[in-house]
C-alpha cells in the first residue's frame, strides 16, 4: 500500500525536546518498514503553529499540509475516473 507522511514542529522547543522533524521522519519510516507500507513522500511544516487558522476563508497557514491534501485529492480523483 502506498502512503504519505506528514511531520510538523511548531516551536523550537518542540524540536529540542525530542519532537524534531528528523525524529518524526525516522519514526514514520520505521513504522512503514515494519508494516510493509510503501512511503512515497513525507510532507513537512517547520515552525508552523496550528493556531494560524483563518476559519472564514477556510485556510490553514501550513504549506506542507496544504500540499499533502492537494496531492491526496489529485490521487483520489485520478483513481475515481
Protein backbone atom coordinates (compact mmCIF):
# COMPACT_ATOMS: atom_id res chain seq x y z
CA UNK A 1 0.00 0.00 0.00
CA UNK A 2 1.31 3.47 -0.87
CA UNK A 3 1.23 6.01 1.94
CA UNK A 4 2.39 9.55 2.65
CA UNK A 5 3.61 11.02 5.91
CA UNK A 6 3.23 14.44 7.48
CA UNK A 7 5.60 15.93 10.03
CA UNK A 8 5.49 19.25 11.84
CA UNK A 9 7.03 21.18 14.67
CA UNK A 10 5.55 24.49 15.71
CA UNK A 11 8.24 25.74 18.07
CA UNK A 12 11.98 25.50 18.56
CA UNK A 13 11.20 23.98 21.97
CA UNK A 14 9.46 21.01 20.39
CA UNK A 15 12.45 20.43 18.15
CA UNK A 16 14.81 20.46 21.14
CA UNK A 17 12.58 18.25 23.33
CA UNK A 18 12.71 15.19 21.08
CA UNK A 19 9.95 16.01 18.62
CA UNK A 20 12.27 17.19 15.86
CA UNK A 21 11.38 16.75 12.22
CA UNK A 22 14.19 14.19 11.90
CA UNK A 23 12.80 12.17 14.84
CA UNK A 24 9.30 12.20 13.36
CA UNK A 25 10.60 11.25 9.93
CA UNK A 26 12.60 8.34 11.36
CA UNK A 27 9.53 7.11 13.27
CA UNK A 28 7.34 7.23 10.16
CA UNK A 29 9.94 5.39 8.08
CA UNK A 30 10.38 2.71 10.75
CA UNK A 31 6.62 2.23 11.06
CA UNK A 32 6.26 1.87 7.29
CA UNK A 33 9.09 -0.66 7.12
CA UNK A 34 7.63 -2.72 9.98
CA UNK A 35 4.19 -2.74 8.37
CA UNK A 36 5.23 -3.26 4.74
CA UNK A 37 3.94 0.15 3.65
CA UNK A 38 5.42 1.98 0.66
CA UNK A 39 6.20 5.51 1.85
CA UNK A 40 6.10 7.65 -1.27
CA UNK A 41 6.59 11.10 0.28
CA UNK A 42 6.83 12.94 3.58
CA UNK A 43 5.28 16.39 3.68
CA UNK A 44 6.62 18.81 6.30
CA UNK A 45 5.90 22.07 8.07
CA UNK A 46 8.67 23.53 10.17
CA UNK A 47 7.99 26.15 12.81
CA UNK A 48 4.31 26.48 11.90
CA UNK A 49 1.74 26.92 14.61
CA UNK A 50 -1.54 25.07 14.20
CA UNK A 51 -3.20 28.18 15.61
CA UNK A 52 -2.72 30.05 12.34
CA UNK A 53 -6.14 29.21 11.01
CA UNK A 54 -8.44 31.53 9.08
CA UNK A 55 -11.82 29.86 9.51
CA UNK A 56 -13.72 32.41 7.44
CA UNK A 57 -11.52 31.85 4.39
CA UNK A 58 -11.15 28.13 5.19
CA UNK A 59 -7.36 28.50 5.06
CA UNK A 60 -4.66 26.92 7.16
CA UNK A 61 -1.23 28.56 7.17
CA UNK A 62 0.61 25.26 6.78
CA UNK A 63 2.10 24.87 3.32
CA UNK A 64 3.15 21.23 3.83
CA UNK A 65 -0.34 20.23 4.97
CA UNK A 66 -1.91 22.04 2.02
CA UNK A 67 0.50 20.28 -0.37
CA UNK A 68 -0.35 16.90 1.15
CA UNK A 69 -4.10 17.50 0.87
CA UNK A 70 -3.75 18.64 -2.76
CA UNK A 71 -1.64 15.55 -3.53
CA UNK A 72 -4.20 13.22 -1.96
CA UNK A 73 -7.10 14.97 -3.67
CA UNK A 74 -5.38 14.61 -7.05
CA UNK A 75 -4.62 10.93 -6.48
CA UNK A 76 -8.19 10.20 -5.36
CA UNK A 77 -9.72 11.99 -8.34
CA UNK A 78 -7.31 10.17 -10.67
CA UNK A 79 -8.39 6.77 -9.31
CA UNK A 80 -12.11 7.53 -9.46
CA UNK A 81 -12.07 8.00 -13.24
